[in-house]
Amino acid sequence: MVLAVATAASYRQCMAGAWRWLYVVGAVAALYLNVLVLIVQSFGKVPALKALPPGSPAFVQLTVLTLFIVGGVLAVRRFRGLSVQPS
């Protein structure tokens, strides 16, 4: 669903107006979800991570979420997109 909004913003709306920040938010959210799956699977399969205390996955997830929120805000502020002029 997140990628559907980002794809629509990119291809159908040519990132015009509010579609620019919707594209960035969608792309960052999709990347965060992929990283979240990586974290969960890593803590389930890597023996060194399994040995950590039970609260460690939650701390790592919260840290990654914070980094993605900060990065997403910076990306929305700095993203200018392509100047597409209708023909």
PDB file of N, CA and C in Angstrom:
ATOM      1  N   MET A   1       0.818  -1.183   0.000  1.00  0.00           N
ATOM      2  CA  MET A   1       0.000   0.000   0.000  1.00  0.00           C
ATOM      3  C   MET A   1       0.869   1.258   0.000  1.00  0.00           C
ATOM      4  N   VAL A   2       1.945   1.215   0.785  1.00  0.00           N
ATOM      5  CA  VAL A   2       2.836   2.370   0.859  1.00  0.00           C
ATOM      6  C   VAL A   2       3.497   2.609  -0.494  1.00  0.00           C
ATOM      7  N   LEU A   3       3.938   1.543  -1.122  1.00  0.00           N
ATOM      8  CA  LEU A   3       4.586   1.696  -2.421  1.00  0.00           C
ATOM      9  C   LEU A   3       3.611   2.117  -3.511  1.00  0.00           C
ATOM     10  N   ALA A   4       2.336   1.783  -3.352  1.00  0.00           N
ATOM     11  CA  ALA A   4       1.344   2.199  -4.336  1.00  0.00           C
ATOM     12  C   ALA A   4       1.213   3.719  -4.363  1.00  0.00           C
ATOM     13  N   VAL A   5       1.232   4.343  -3.192  1.00  0.00           N
ATOM     14  CA  VAL A   5       1.166   5.809  -3.125  1.00  0.00           C
ATOM     15  C   VAL A   5       2.434   6.424  -3.710  1.00  0.00           C
ATOM     16  N   ALA A   6       3.594   5.865  -3.369  1.00  0.00           N
ATOM     17  CA  ALA A   6       4.851   6.397  -3.892  1.00  0.00           C
ATOM     18  C   ALA A   6       4.930   6.238  -5.415  1.00  0.00           C
ATOM     19  N   THR A   7       4.462   5.114  -5.916  1.00  0.00           N
ATOM     20  CA  THR A   7       4.479   4.886  -7.357  1.00  0.00           C
ATOM     21  C   THR A   7       3.525   5.832  -8.078  1.00  0.00           C
ATOM     22  N   ALA A   8       2.349   6.014  -7.514  1.00  0.00           N
ATOM     23  CA  ALA A   8       1.390   6.945  -8.113  1.00  0.00           C
ATOM     24  C   ALA A   8       1.939   8.361  -8.109  1.00  0.00           C
ATOM     25  N   ALA A   9       2.585   8.743  -7.023  1.00  0.00           N
ATOM     26  CA  ALA A   9       3.164  10.089  -6.936  1.00  0.00           C
ATOM     27  C   ALA A   9       4.279  10.268  -7.953  1.00  0.00           C
ATOM     28  N   SER A  10       5.044   9.219  -8.167  1.00  0.00           N
ATOM     29  CA  SER A  10       6.179   9.314  -9.082  1.00  0.00           C
ATOM     30  C   SER A  10       5.759   9.288 -10.551  1.00  0.00           C
ATOM     31  N   TYR A  11       4.950   8.327 -10.930  1.00  0.00           N
ATOM     32  CA  TYR A  11       4.650   8.129 -12.344  1.00  0.00           C
ATOM     33  C   TYR A  11       3.389   8.838 -12.829  1.00  0.00           C
ATOM     34  N   ARG A  12       2.338   8.791 -12.061  1.00  0.00           N
ATOM     35  CA  ARG A  12       1.077   9.361 -12.543  1.00  0.00           C
ATOM     36  C   ARG A  12       0.993  10.860 -12.310  1.00  0.00           C
ATOM     37  N   GLN A  13       1.504  11.322 -11.180  1.00  0.00           N
ATOM     38  CA  GLN A  13       1.375  12.739 -10.846  1.00  0.00           C
ATOM     39  C   GLN A  13       2.654  13.531 -11.115  1.00  0.00           C
ATOM     40  N   CYS A  14       3.718  12.860 -11.544  1.00  0.00           N
ATOM     41  CA  CYS A  14       5.006  13.503 -11.873  1.00  0.00           C
ATOM     42  C   CYS A  14       5.539  14.332 -10.710  1.00  0.00           C
ATOM     43  N   MET A  15       5.252  13.911  -9.508  1.00  0.00           N
ATOM     44  CA  MET A  15       5.730  14.560  -8.290  1.00  0.00           C
ATOM     45  C   MET A  15       5.447  16.055  -8.267  1.00  0.00           C
ATOM     46  N   ALA A  16       4.266  16.429  -8.651  1.00  0.00           N
ATOM     47  CA  ALA A  16       3.880  17.838  -8.658  1.00  0.00           C
ATOM     48  C   ALA A  16       3.184  18.190  -7.353  1.00  0.00           C
ATOM     49  N   GLY A  17       3.544  19.316  -6.790  1.00  0.00           N
ATOM     50  CA  GLY A  17       2.888  19.814  -5.579  1.00  0.00           C
ATOM     51  C   GLY A  17       3.104  18.913  -4.382  1.00  0.00           C
ATOM     52  N   ALA A  18       1.996  18.565  -3.724  1.00  0.00           N
ATOM     53  CA  ALA A  18       2.059  17.742  -2.518  1.00  0.00           C
ATOM     54  C   ALA A  18       2.492  16.313  -2.811  1.00  0.00           C
ATOM     55  N   TRP A  19       2.453  15.909  -4.053  1.00  0.00           N
ATOM     56  CA  TRP A  19       2.858  14.550  -4.403  1.00  0.00           C
ATOM     57  C   TRP A  19       4.338  14.333  -4.160  1.00  0.00           C
ATOM     58  N   ARG A  20       5.145  15.387  -4.129  1.00  0.00           N
ATOM     59  CA  ARG A  20       6.578  15.231  -3.852  1.00  0.00           C
ATOM     60  C   ARG A  20       6.800  14.676  -2.453  1.00  0.00           C
ATOM     61  N   TRP A  21       6.169  15.306  -1.456  1.00  0.00           N
ATOM     62  CA  TRP A  21       6.414  14.816  -0.099  1.00  0.00           C
ATOM     63  C   TRP A  21       5.730  13.476   0.135  1.00  0.00           C
ATOM     64  N   LEU A  22       4.629  13.209  -0.571  1.00  0.00           N
ATOM     65  CA  LEU A  22       4.015  11.883  -0.463  1.00  0.00           C
ATOM     66  C   LEU A  22       4.942  10.798  -1.015  1.00  0.00           C
ATOM     67  N   TYR A  23       5.642  11.122  -2.086  1.00  0.00           N
ATOM     68  CA  TYR A  23       6.610  10.187  -2.653  1.00  0.00           C
ATOM     69  C   TYR A  23       7.734   9.901  -1.656  1.00  0.00           C
ATOM     70  N   VAL A  24       8.282  10.943  -1.064  1.00  0.00           N
ATOM     71  CA  VAL A  24       9.391  10.770  -0.124  1.00  0.00           C
ATOM     72  C   VAL A  24       8.939   9.993   1.108  1.00  0.00           C
ATOM     73  N   VAL A  25       7.795  10.344   1.655  1.00  0.00           N
ATOM     74  CA  VAL A  25       7.280   9.637   2.835  1.00  0.00           C
ATOM     75  C   VAL A  25       7.020   8.176   2.506  1.00  0.00           C
ATOM     76  N   GLY A  26       6.456   7.903   1.354  1.00  0.00           N
ATOM     77  CA  GLY A  26       6.198   6.521   0.950  1.00  0.00           C
ATOM     78  C   GLY A  26       7.469   5.717   0.769  1.00  0.00           C
ATOM     79  N   ALA A  27       8.473   6.328   0.153  1.00  0.00           N
ATOM     80  CA  ALA A  27       9.747   5.630  -0.063  1.00  0.00           C
ATOM     81  C   ALA A  27      10.452   5.360   1.261  1.00  0.00           C
ATOM     82  N   VAL A  28      10.458   6.332   2.156  1.00  0.00           N
ATOM     83  CA  VAL A  28      11.108   6.148   3.462  1.00  0.00           C
ATOM     84  C   VAL A  28      10.351   5.103   4.285  1.00  0.00           C
ATOM     85  N   ALA A  29       9.030   5.132   4.253  1.00  0.00           N
ATOM     86  CA  ALA A  29       8.238   4.152   5.000  1.00  0.00           C
ATOM     87  C   ALA A  29       8.469   2.734   4.471  1.00  0.00           C
ATOM     88  N   ALA A  30       8.542   2.579   3.166  1.00  0.00           N
ATOM     89  CA  ALA A  30       8.790   1.256   2.585  1.00  0.00           C
ATOM     90  C   ALA A  30      10.179   0.743   2.975  1.00  0.00           C
ATOM     91  N   LEU A  31      11.171   1.622   2.956  1.00  0.00           N
ATOM     92  CA  LEU A  31      12.512   1.220   3.358  1.00  0.00           C
ATOM     93  C   LEU A  31      12.542   0.852   4.839  1.00  0.00           C
ATOM     94  N   TYR A  32      11.845   1.621   5.676  1.00  0.00           N
ATOM     95  CA  TYR A  32      11.792   1.304   7.107  1.00  0.00           C
ATOM     96  C   TYR A  32      11.174  -0.075   7.341  1.00  0.00           C
ATOM     97  N   LEU A  33      10.108  -0.382   6.644  1.00  0.00           N
ATOM     98  CA  LEU A  33       9.473  -1.688   6.824  1.00  0.00           C
ATOM     99  C   LEU A  33      10.407  -2.825   6.419  1.00  0.00           C
ATOM    100  N   ASN A  34      11.191  -2.616   5.367  1.00  0.00           N
ATOM    101  CA  ASN A  34      12.176  -3.627   4.970  1.00  0.00           C
ATOM    102  C   ASN A  34      13.244  -3.806   6.039  1.00  0.00           C
ATOM    103  N   VAL A  35      13.720  -2.708   6.608  1.00  0.00           N
ATOM    104  CA  VAL A  35      14.736  -2.779   7.660  1.00  0.00           C
ATOM    105  C   VAL A  35      14.157  -3.422   8.918  1.00  0.00           C
ATOM    106  N   LEU A  36      12.901  -3.136   9.217  1.00  0.00           N
ATOM    107  CA  LEU A  36      12.250  -3.746  10.372  1.00  0.00           C
ATOM    108  C   LEU A  36      12.196  -5.265  10.228  1.00  0.00           C
ATOM    109  N   VAL A  37      11.865  -5.742   9.053  1.00  0.00           N
ATOM    110  CA  VAL A  37      11.853  -7.189   8.802  1.00  0.00           C
ATOM    111  C   VAL A  37      13.261  -7.754   8.952  1.00  0.00           C
ATOM    112  N   LEU A  38      14.255  -7.030   8.477  1.00  0.00           N
ATOM    113  CA  LEU A  38      15.648  -7.467   8.629  1.00  0.00           C
ATOM    114  C   LEU A  38      16.020  -7.599  10.103  1.00  0.00           C
ATOM    115  N   ILE A  39      15.627  -6.637  10.912  1.00  0.00           N
ATOM    116  CA  ILE A  39      15.945  -6.675  12.344  1.00  0.00           C
ATOM    117  C   ILE A  39      15.274  -7.874  13.015  1.00  0.00           C
ATOM    118  N   VAL A  40      13.989  -8.048  12.758  1.00  0.00           N
ATOM    119  CA  VAL A  40      13.249  -9.147  13.387  1.00  0.00           C
ATOM    120  C   VAL A  40      13.837 -10.489  12.981  1.00  0.00           C
ATOM    121  N   GLN A  41      14.134 -10.663  11.707  1.00  0.00           N
ATOM    122  CA  GLN A  41      14.694 -11.938  11.258  1.00  0.00           C
ATOM    123  C   GLN A  41      16.109 -12.143  11.768  1.00  0.00           C
ATOM    124  N   SER A  42      16.879 -11.074  11.876  1.00  0.00           N
ATOM    125  CA  SER A  42      18.243 -11.197  12.396  1.00  0.00           C
ATOM    126  C   SER A  42      18.227 -11.647  13.857  1.00  0.00           C
ATOM    127  N   PHE A  43      17.352 -11.061  14.665  1.00  0.00           N
ATOM    128  CA  PHE A  43      17.273 -11.462  16.069  1.00  0.00           C
ATOM    129  C   PHE A  43      16.717 -12.875  16.218  1.00  0.00           C
ATOM    130  N   GLY A  44      16.031 -13.361  15.231  1.00  0.00           N
ATOM    131  CA  GLY A  44      15.508 -14.723  15.301  1.00  0.00           C
ATOM    132  C   GLY A  44      16.460 -15.778  14.794  1.00  0.00           C
ATOM    133  N   LYS A  45      17.425 -15.402  13.946  1.00  0.00           N
ATOM    134  CA  LYS A  45      18.259 -16.403  13.290  1.00  0.00           C
ATOM    135  C   LYS A  45      19.748 -16.326  13.619  1.00  0.00           C
ATOM    136  N   VAL A  46      20.264 -15.169  13.988  1.00  0.00           N
ATOM    137  CA  VAL A  46      21.695 -15.029  14.274  1.00  0.00           C
ATOM    138  C   VAL A  46      21.940 -15.406  15.734  1.00  0.00           C
ATOM    139  N   PRO A  47      22.769 -16.414  15.971  1.00  0.00           N
ATOM    140  CA  PRO A  47      22.984 -16.887  17.346  1.00  0.00           C
ATOM    141  C   PRO A  47      23.517 -15.799  18.294  1.00  0.00           C
ATOM    142  N   ALA A  48      24.384 -14.937  17.822  1.00  0.00           N
ATOM    143  CA  ALA A  48      24.927 -13.886  18.682  1.00  0.00           C
ATOM    144  C   ALA A  48      23.842 -12.900  19.111  1.00  0.00           C
ATOM    145  N   LEU A  49      22.875 -12.641  18.245  1.00  0.00           N
ATOM    146  CA  LEU A  49      21.785 -11.731  18.590  1.00  0.00           C
ATOM    147  C   LEU A  49      20.734 -12.419  19.470  1.00  0.00           C
ATOM    148  N   LYS A  50      20.585 -13.738  19.297  1.00  0.00           N
ATOM    149  CA  LYS A  50      19.642 -14.479  20.140  1.00  0.00           C
ATOM    150  C   LYS A  50      20.083 -14.454  21.602  1.00  0.00           C
ATOM    151  N   ALA A  51      21.389 -14.370  21.834  1.00  0.00           N
ATOM    152  CA  ALA A  51      21.926 -14.417  23.193  1.00  0.00           C
ATOM    153  C   ALA A  51      21.739 -13.098  23.945  1.00  0.00           C
ATOM    154  N   LEU A  52      21.354 -12.032  23.267  1.00  0.00           N
ATOM    155  CA  LEU A  52      21.171 -10.745  23.929  1.00  0.00           C
ATOM    156  C   LEU A  52      19.924 -10.768  24.821  1.00  0.00           C
ATOM    157  N   PRO A  53      19.853  -9.841  25.776  1.00  0.00           N
ATOM    158  CA  PRO A  53      18.672  -9.795  26.659  1.00  0.00           C
ATOM    159  C   PRO A  53      17.376  -9.586  25.866  1.00  0.00           C
ATOM    160  N   PRO A  54      16.237  -9.958  26.432  1.00  0.00           N
ATOM    161  CA  PRO A  54      14.954  -9.891  25.719  1.00  0.00           C
ATOM    162  C   PRO A  54      14.544  -8.501  25.256  1.00  0.00           C
ATOM    163  N   GLY A  55      14.977  -7.443  25.904  1.00  0.00           N
ATOM    164  CA  GLY A  55      14.568  -6.089  25.515  1.00  0.00           C
ATOM    165  C   GLY A  55      15.369  -5.510  24.366  1.00  0.00           C
ATOM    166  N   SER A  56      16.401  -6.200  23.931  1.00  0.00           N
ATOM    167  CA  SER A  56      17.279  -5.657  22.891  1.00  0.00           C
ATOM    168  C   SER A  56      16.589  -5.414  21.554  1.00  0.00           C
ATOM    169  N   PRO A  57      15.763  -6.345  21.042  1.00  0.00           N
ATOM    170  CA  PRO A  57      15.109  -6.067  19.755  1.00  0.00           C
ATOM    171  C   PRO A  57      14.230  -4.823  19.786  1.00  0.00           C
ATOM    172  N   ALA A  58      13.542  -4.611  20.882  1.00  0.00           N
ATOM    173  CA  ALA A  58      12.679  -3.428  20.983  1.00  0.00           C
ATOM    174  C   ALA A  58      13.521  -2.156  20.986  1.00  0.00           C
ATOM    175  N   PHE A  59      14.651  -2.179  21.674  1.00  0.00           N
ATOM    176  CA  PHE A  59      15.530  -1.007  21.706  1.00  0.00           C
ATOM    177  C   PHE A  59      16.082  -0.712  20.315  1.00  0.00           C
ATOM    178  N   VAL A  60      16.507  -1.752  19.615  1.00  0.00           N
ATOM    179  CA  VAL A  60      17.041  -1.577  18.265  1.00  0.00           C
ATOM    180  C   VAL A  60      15.957  -1.039  17.332  1.00  0.00           C
ATOM    181  N   GLN A  61      14.747  -1.572  17.430  1.00  0.00           N
ATOM    182  CA  GLN A  61      13.645  -1.109  16.585  1.00  0.00           C
ATOM    183  C   GLN A  61      13.307   0.352  16.869  1.00  0.00           C
ATOM    184  N   LEU A  62      13.304   0.736  18.135  1.00  0.00           N
ATOM    185  CA  LEU A  62      13.022   2.125  18.492  1.00  0.00           C
ATOM    186  C   LEU A  62      14.113   3.059  17.985  1.00  0.00           C
ATOM    187  N   THR A  63      15.365   2.627  18.082  1.00  0.00           N
ATOM    188  CA  THR A  63      16.480   3.425  17.584  1.00  0.00           C
ATOM    189  C   THR A  63      16.389   3.607  16.067  1.00  0.00           C
ATOM    190  N   VAL A  64      16.100   2.528  15.360  1.00  0.00           N
ATOM    191  CA  VAL A  64      15.989   2.595  13.897  1.00  0.00           C
ATOM    192  C   VAL A  64      14.791   3.462  13.501  1.00  0.00           C
ATOM    193  N   LEU A  65      13.671   3.338  14.212  1.00  0.00           N
ATOM    194  CA  LEU A  65      12.504   4.165  13.926  1.00  0.00           C
ATOM    195  C   LEU A  65      12.843   5.645  14.099  1.00  0.00           C
ATOM    196  N   THR A  66      13.551   5.980  15.164  1.00  0.00           N
ATOM    197  CA  THR A  66      13.956   7.371  15.402  1.00  0.00           C
ATOM    198  C   THR A  66      14.847   7.878  14.270  1.00  0.00           C
ATOM    199  N   LEU A  67      15.798   7.059  13.852  1.00  0.00           N
ATOM    200  CA  LEU A  67      16.689   7.466  12.752  1.00  0.00           C
ATOM    201  C   LEU A  67      15.908   7.663  11.453  1.00  0.00           C
ATOM    202  N   PHE A  68      14.948   6.798  11.190  1.00  0.00           N
ATOM    203  CA  PHE A  68      14.157   6.934   9.969  1.00  0.00           C
ATOM    204  C   PHE A  68      13.240   8.152  10.016  1.00  0.00           C
ATOM    205  N   ILE A  69      12.709   8.474  11.174  1.00  0.00           N
ATOM    206  CA  ILE A  69      11.873   9.673  11.285  1.00  0.00           C
ATOM    207  C   ILE A  69      12.708  10.920  11.039  1.00  0.00           C
ATOM    208  N   VAL A  70      13.876  11.002  11.657  1.00  0.00           N
ATOM    209  CA  VAL A  70      14.757  12.161  11.452  1.00  0.00           C
ATOM    210  C   VAL A  70      15.194  12.237   9.989  1.00  0.00           C
ATOM    211  N   GLY A  71      15.614  11.115   9.438  1.00  0.00           N
ATOM    212  CA  GLY A  71      16.018  11.087   8.031  1.00  0.00           C
ATOM    213  C   GLY A  71      14.876  11.425   7.091  1.00  0.00           C
ATOM    214  N   GLY A  72      13.675  10.949   7.403  1.00  0.00           N
ATOM    215  CA  GLY A  72      12.515  11.252   6.572  1.00  0.00           C
ATOM    216  C   GLY A  72      12.156  12.720   6.590  1.00  0.00           C
ATOM    217  N   VAL A  73      12.223  13.335   7.762  1.00  0.00           N
ATOM    218  CA  VAL A  73      11.935  14.776   7.856  1.00  0.00           C
ATOM    219  C   VAL A  73      12.960  15.567   7.054  1.00  0.00           C
ATOM    220  N   LEU A  74      14.231  15.206   7.177  1.00  0.00           N
ATOM    221  CA  LEU A  74      15.266  15.890   6.401  1.00  0.00           C
ATOM    222  C   LEU A  74      15.076  15.674   4.897  1.00  0.00           C
ATOM    223  N   ALA A  75      14.681  14.469   4.516  1.00  0.00           N
ATOM    224  CA  ALA A  75      14.472  14.179   3.097  1.00  0.00           C
ATOM    225  C   ALA A  75      13.303  14.982   2.538  1.00  0.00           C
ATOM    226  N   VAL A  76      12.219  15.104   3.297  1.00  0.00           N
ATOM    227  CA  VAL A  76      11.061  15.872   2.833  1.00  0.00           C
ATOM    228  C   VAL A  76      11.439  17.342   2.671  1.00  0.00           C
ATOM    229  N   ARG A  77      12.215  17.857   3.600  1.00  0.00           N
ATOM    230  CA  ARG A  77      12.604  19.273   3.526  1.00  0.00           C
ATOM    231  C   ARG A  77      13.536  19.562   2.358  1.00  0.00           C
ATOM    232  N   ARG A  78      14.422  18.624   2.058  1.00  0.00           N
ATOM    233  CA  ARG A  78      15.453  18.875   1.041  1.00  0.00           C
ATOM    234  C   ARG A  78      15.103  18.384  -0.357  1.00  0.00           C
ATOM    235  N   PHE A  79      14.092  17.544  -0.503  1.00  0.00           N
ATOM    236  CA  PHE A  79      13.779  16.966  -1.802  1.00  0.00           C
ATOM    237  C   PHE A  79      13.113  17.996  -2.700  1.00  0.00           C
ATOM    238  N   ARG A  80      13.669  18.171  -3.856  1.00  0.00           N
ATOM    239  CA  ARG A  80      13.125  19.124  -4.813  1.00  0.00           C
ATOM    240  C   ARG A  80      12.478  18.443  -6.005  1.00  0.00           C
ATOM    241  N   GLY A  81      12.905  17.249  -6.315  1.00  0.00           N
ATOM    242  CA  GLY A  81      12.338  16.515  -7.447  1.00  0.00           C
ATOM    243  C   GLY A  81      12.839  17.049  -8.775  1.00  0.00           C
ATOM    244  N   LEU A  82      12.310  16.486  -9.815  1.00  0.00           N
ATOM    245  CA  LEU A  82      12.676  16.879 -11.166  1.00  0.00           C
ATOM    246  C   LEU A  82      11.708  17.952 -11.674  1.00  0.00           C
ATOM    247  N   SER A  83      12.223  18.838 -12.438  1.00  0.00           N
ATOM    248  CA  SER A  83      11.362  19.839 -13.054  1.00  0.00           C
ATOM    249  C   SER A  83      10.779  19.261 -14.333  1.00  0.00           C
ATOM    250  N   VAL A  84       9.565  18.813 -14.249  1.00  0.00           N
ATOM    251  CA  VAL A  84       8.896  18.212 -15.408  1.00  0.00           C
ATOM    252  C   VAL A  84       7.929  19.240 -15.962  1.00  0.00           C
ATOM    253  N   GLN A  85       8.128  19.564 -17.240  1.00  0.00           N
ATOM    254  CA  GLN A  85       7.255  20.508 -17.881  1.00  0.00           C
ATOM    255  C   GLN A  85       6.377  19.779 -18.880  1.00  0.00           C
ATOM    256  N   PRO A  86       5.074  19.981 -18.800  1.00  0.00           N
ATOM    257  CA  PRO A  86       4.203  19.278 -19.733  1.00  0.00           C
ATOM    258  C   PRO A  86       4.464  19.702 -21.172  1.00  0.00           C
ATOM    259  N   SER A  87       4.341  18.760 -22.077  1.00  0.00           N
ATOM    260  CA  SER A  87       4.600  19.081 -23.487  1.00  0.00           C
ATOM    261  C   SER A  87       3.329  19.326 -24.256  1.00  0.00           C
TER     262      SER A  87
END
